[in-house]
Amino acid sequence: MFCAIYKSPKKYDTYLYVAARDDFSCVPESLLKLLGQPVHVMDLELTAERKLAQEDIVEVMKNLQTRGWHLQMPKKEEWWGAH
């Protein structure tokens, strides 16, 4: 399964995965306003065997199939600056 990944210029360490590059038609307008103009980071071919650094690949693929997008938020400790 193909996806394109974008980072948010407004929200630290927040990424939006979409099923089709540059197609944000299925992403809620309110979310796009919150994130700001998405900045393309990479395209990625997802498979059930592939590992992602911070996300569950099965959940990402499910979200892309059912709604066309997936939002990756920073881990809680990153929000508060604790490392």
N, C-alpha and C. Protein backbone atom coordinates (compact mmCIF):
# COMPACT_ATOMS: atom_id res chain seq x y z
N MET A 1 0.84 -1.17 0.00
CA MET A 1 0.00 0.00 0.00
C MET A 1 0.89 1.24 0.00
N PHE A 2 0.61 2.17 -0.88
CA PHE A 2 1.36 3.41 -1.00
C PHE A 2 0.82 4.46 -0.04
N CYS A 3 1.71 5.30 0.48
CA CYS A 3 1.26 6.48 1.21
C CYS A 3 2.29 7.60 1.05
N ALA A 4 1.83 8.79 1.26
CA ALA A 4 2.70 9.97 1.27
C ALA A 4 2.66 10.54 2.69
N ILE A 5 3.81 10.98 3.17
CA ILE A 5 3.91 11.47 4.54
C ILE A 5 4.29 12.95 4.51
N TYR A 6 3.57 13.72 5.33
CA TYR A 6 3.77 15.17 5.41
C TYR A 6 3.99 15.56 6.87
N LYS A 7 4.84 16.56 7.10
CA LYS A 7 4.99 17.07 8.46
C LYS A 7 4.22 18.37 8.59
N SER A 8 3.86 18.66 9.82
CA SER A 8 3.14 19.89 10.11
C SER A 8 4.13 20.99 10.44
N PRO A 9 3.99 22.16 9.80
CA PRO A 9 4.86 23.27 10.15
C PRO A 9 4.44 23.95 11.47
N LYS A 10 3.23 23.65 11.94
CA LYS A 10 2.71 24.29 13.16
C LYS A 10 2.83 23.42 14.40
N LYS A 11 2.80 22.10 14.23
CA LYS A 11 2.78 21.17 15.36
C LYS A 11 4.04 20.32 15.34
N TYR A 12 4.87 20.48 16.36
CA TYR A 12 6.14 19.76 16.46
C TYR A 12 5.94 18.24 16.39
N ASP A 13 6.74 17.60 15.56
CA ASP A 13 6.79 16.15 15.46
C ASP A 13 5.44 15.51 15.17
N THR A 14 4.62 16.19 14.36
CA THR A 14 3.31 15.69 13.98
C THR A 14 3.31 15.46 12.47
N TYR A 15 2.88 14.27 12.08
CA TYR A 15 2.93 13.86 10.67
C TYR A 15 1.56 13.37 10.20
N LEU A 16 1.24 13.71 8.96
CA LEU A 16 0.00 13.29 8.33
C LEU A 16 0.33 12.34 7.20
N TYR A 17 -0.23 11.14 7.26
CA TYR A 17 -0.09 10.15 6.19
C TYR A 17 -1.36 10.22 5.36
N VAL A 18 -1.21 10.27 4.04
CA VAL A 18 -2.37 10.24 3.15
C VAL A 18 -2.19 9.14 2.11
N ALA A 19 -3.30 8.61 1.64
CA ALA A 19 -3.27 7.48 0.71
C ALA A 19 -2.80 7.88 -0.68
N ALA A 20 -2.97 9.13 -1.08
CA ALA A 20 -2.55 9.60 -2.40
C ALA A 20 -1.81 10.92 -2.24
N ARG A 21 -0.64 11.01 -2.85
CA ARG A 21 0.20 12.19 -2.71
C ARG A 21 -0.55 13.46 -3.13
N ASP A 22 -0.44 14.46 -2.27
CA ASP A 22 -1.04 15.78 -2.48
C ASP A 22 -2.57 15.77 -2.55
N ASP A 23 -3.18 14.69 -2.11
CA ASP A 23 -4.64 14.62 -2.08
C ASP A 23 -5.11 14.68 -0.62
N PHE A 24 -5.57 15.85 -0.21
CA PHE A 24 -6.03 16.07 1.15
C PHE A 24 -7.55 16.16 1.22
N SER A 25 -8.22 15.72 0.16
CA SER A 25 -9.68 15.87 0.07
C SER A 25 -10.42 15.10 1.16
N CYS A 26 -9.84 14.03 1.67
CA CYS A 26 -10.53 13.25 2.71
C CYS A 26 -10.13 13.67 4.12
N VAL A 27 -9.18 14.59 4.24
CA VAL A 27 -8.73 15.06 5.56
C VAL A 27 -9.66 16.20 6.00
N PRO A 28 -10.17 16.12 7.23
CA PRO A 28 -11.07 17.19 7.70
C PRO A 28 -10.40 18.58 7.62
N GLU A 29 -11.16 19.54 7.15
CA GLU A 29 -10.66 20.91 7.00
C GLU A 29 -10.14 21.45 8.33
N SER A 30 -10.82 21.14 9.41
CA SER A 30 -10.39 21.62 10.73
C SER A 30 -9.01 21.08 11.11
N LEU A 31 -8.73 19.84 10.74
CA LEU A 31 -7.41 19.26 11.01
C LEU A 31 -6.34 19.93 10.17
N LEU A 32 -6.64 20.18 8.91
CA LEU A 32 -5.67 20.85 8.04
C LEU A 32 -5.35 22.26 8.55
N LYS A 33 -6.35 22.97 9.06
CA LYS A 33 -6.12 24.30 9.62
C LYS A 33 -5.23 24.22 10.85
N LEU A 34 -5.46 23.23 11.69
CA LEU A 34 -4.68 23.03 12.90
C LEU A 34 -3.21 22.70 12.57
N LEU A 35 -3.01 21.87 11.54
CA LEU A 35 -1.65 21.44 11.17
C LEU A 35 -0.90 22.48 10.36
N GLY A 36 -1.59 23.32 9.63
CA GLY A 36 -0.94 24.25 8.72
C GLY A 36 -0.71 23.57 7.37
N GLN A 37 -0.07 24.28 6.44
CA GLN A 37 0.18 23.74 5.10
C GLN A 37 1.15 22.56 5.21
N PRO A 38 0.70 21.32 4.92
CA PRO A 38 1.57 20.15 5.06
C PRO A 38 2.80 20.24 4.17
N VAL A 39 3.94 19.82 4.71
CA VAL A 39 5.21 19.81 3.99
C VAL A 39 5.57 18.36 3.68
N HIS A 40 5.70 18.03 2.39
CA HIS A 40 5.98 16.65 1.99
C HIS A 40 7.34 16.21 2.52
N VAL A 41 7.36 15.03 3.15
CA VAL A 41 8.60 14.47 3.70
C VAL A 41 9.07 13.30 2.85
N MET A 42 8.16 12.35 2.59
CA MET A 42 8.53 11.17 1.80
C MET A 42 7.31 10.40 1.34
N ASP A 43 7.55 9.53 0.37
CA ASP A 43 6.56 8.55 -0.05
C ASP A 43 7.05 7.21 0.47
N LEU A 44 6.10 6.34 0.80
CA LEU A 44 6.48 5.07 1.41
C LEU A 44 5.53 3.98 0.97
N GLU A 45 6.07 2.81 0.70
CA GLU A 45 5.26 1.62 0.41
C GLU A 45 5.11 0.86 1.72
N LEU A 46 3.87 0.72 2.18
CA LEU A 46 3.60 0.04 3.44
C LEU A 46 3.22 -1.42 3.20
N THR A 47 3.77 -2.29 4.01
CA THR A 47 3.39 -3.70 4.01
C THR A 47 3.27 -4.14 5.46
N ALA A 48 2.53 -5.18 5.71
CA ALA A 48 2.33 -5.67 7.08
C ALA A 48 3.65 -6.08 7.73
N GLU A 49 4.64 -6.44 6.94
CA GLU A 49 5.93 -6.88 7.47
C GLU A 49 6.84 -5.70 7.83
N ARG A 50 6.57 -4.53 7.30
CA ARG A 50 7.42 -3.37 7.52
C ARG A 50 7.21 -2.82 8.92
N LYS A 51 8.26 -2.30 9.51
CA LYS A 51 8.19 -1.67 10.83
C LYS A 51 8.29 -0.16 10.65
N LEU A 52 7.50 0.57 11.43
CA LEU A 52 7.60 2.02 11.48
C LEU A 52 8.17 2.39 12.85
N ALA A 53 8.90 3.49 12.91
CA ALA A 53 9.58 3.88 14.15
C ALA A 53 8.61 4.14 15.30
N GLN A 54 7.51 4.82 15.04
CA GLN A 54 6.63 5.22 16.13
C GLN A 54 5.19 4.74 16.00
N GLU A 55 4.83 4.22 14.87
CA GLU A 55 3.43 3.86 14.65
C GLU A 55 3.26 2.36 14.40
N ASP A 56 2.08 1.87 14.70
CA ASP A 56 1.70 0.49 14.40
C ASP A 56 1.31 0.44 12.93
N ILE A 57 2.06 -0.30 12.14
CA ILE A 57 1.85 -0.34 10.69
C ILE A 57 0.44 -0.82 10.33
N VAL A 58 -0.10 -1.75 11.09
CA VAL A 58 -1.45 -2.27 10.82
C VAL A 58 -2.48 -1.16 11.03
N GLU A 59 -2.32 -0.39 12.09
CA GLU A 59 -3.25 0.72 12.35
C GLU A 59 -3.15 1.78 11.26
N VAL A 60 -1.94 2.12 10.85
CA VAL A 60 -1.75 3.11 9.77
C VAL A 60 -2.43 2.64 8.50
N MET A 61 -2.19 1.39 8.12
CA MET A 61 -2.79 0.86 6.90
C MET A 61 -4.32 0.83 6.99
N LYS A 62 -4.84 0.45 8.15
CA LYS A 62 -6.30 0.44 8.35
C LYS A 62 -6.88 1.84 8.19
N ASN A 63 -6.24 2.82 8.82
CA ASN A 63 -6.73 4.20 8.71
C ASN A 63 -6.66 4.72 7.28
N LEU A 64 -5.60 4.38 6.56
CA LEU A 64 -5.49 4.81 5.17
C LEU A 64 -6.58 4.17 4.31
N GLN A 65 -6.88 2.91 4.58
CA GLN A 65 -7.91 2.21 3.80
C GLN A 65 -9.31 2.72 4.12
N THR A 66 -9.59 2.98 5.39
CA THR A 66 -10.95 3.34 5.79
C THR A 66 -11.26 4.82 5.65
N ARG A 67 -10.29 5.69 5.94
CA ARG A 67 -10.60 7.12 5.87
C ARG A 67 -9.67 7.92 4.96
N GLY A 68 -8.59 7.29 4.51
CA GLY A 68 -7.69 7.96 3.56
C GLY A 68 -6.57 8.74 4.19
N TRP A 69 -6.48 8.75 5.53
CA TRP A 69 -5.41 9.48 6.21
C TRP A 69 -5.14 8.88 7.59
N HIS A 70 -3.95 9.22 8.12
CA HIS A 70 -3.56 8.80 9.47
C HIS A 70 -2.73 9.93 10.06
N LEU A 71 -2.96 10.23 11.33
CA LEU A 71 -2.23 11.30 12.01
C LEU A 71 -1.27 10.70 13.03
N GLN A 72 0.01 11.06 12.92
CA GLN A 72 1.02 10.63 13.88
C GLN A 72 1.35 11.82 14.78
N MET A 73 1.04 11.64 16.06
CA MET A 73 1.29 12.69 17.05
C MET A 73 2.57 12.36 17.81
N PRO A 74 3.21 13.37 18.41
CA PRO A 74 4.39 13.07 19.22
C PRO A 74 4.02 12.26 20.45
N LYS A 75 4.96 11.47 20.91
CA LYS A 75 4.75 10.72 22.15
C LYS A 75 4.62 11.71 23.30
N LYS A 76 3.92 11.33 24.37
CA LYS A 76 3.65 12.25 25.49
C LYS A 76 4.91 12.88 26.05
N GLU A 77 5.97 12.10 26.24
CA GLU A 77 7.19 12.66 26.81
C GLU A 77 7.81 13.72 25.92
N GLU A 78 7.57 13.62 24.59
CA GLU A 78 8.08 14.64 23.68
C GLU A 78 7.30 15.94 23.79
N TRP A 79 5.99 15.83 24.09
CA TRP A 79 5.18 17.03 24.29
C TRP A 79 5.71 17.86 25.46
N TRP A 80 6.15 17.19 26.50
CA TRP A 80 6.57 17.89 27.72
C TRP A 80 8.06 18.12 27.78
N GLY A 81 8.78 17.68 26.77
CA GLY A 81 10.21 17.93 26.72
C GLY A 81 11.05 16.96 27.53
N ALA A 82 10.45 15.96 28.14
CA ALA A 82 11.22 14.98 28.90
C ALA A 82 11.79 13.94 27.96
N HIS A 83 13.04 13.61 28.12
CA HIS A 83 13.68 12.61 27.25
C HIS A 83 14.38 11.56 28.06
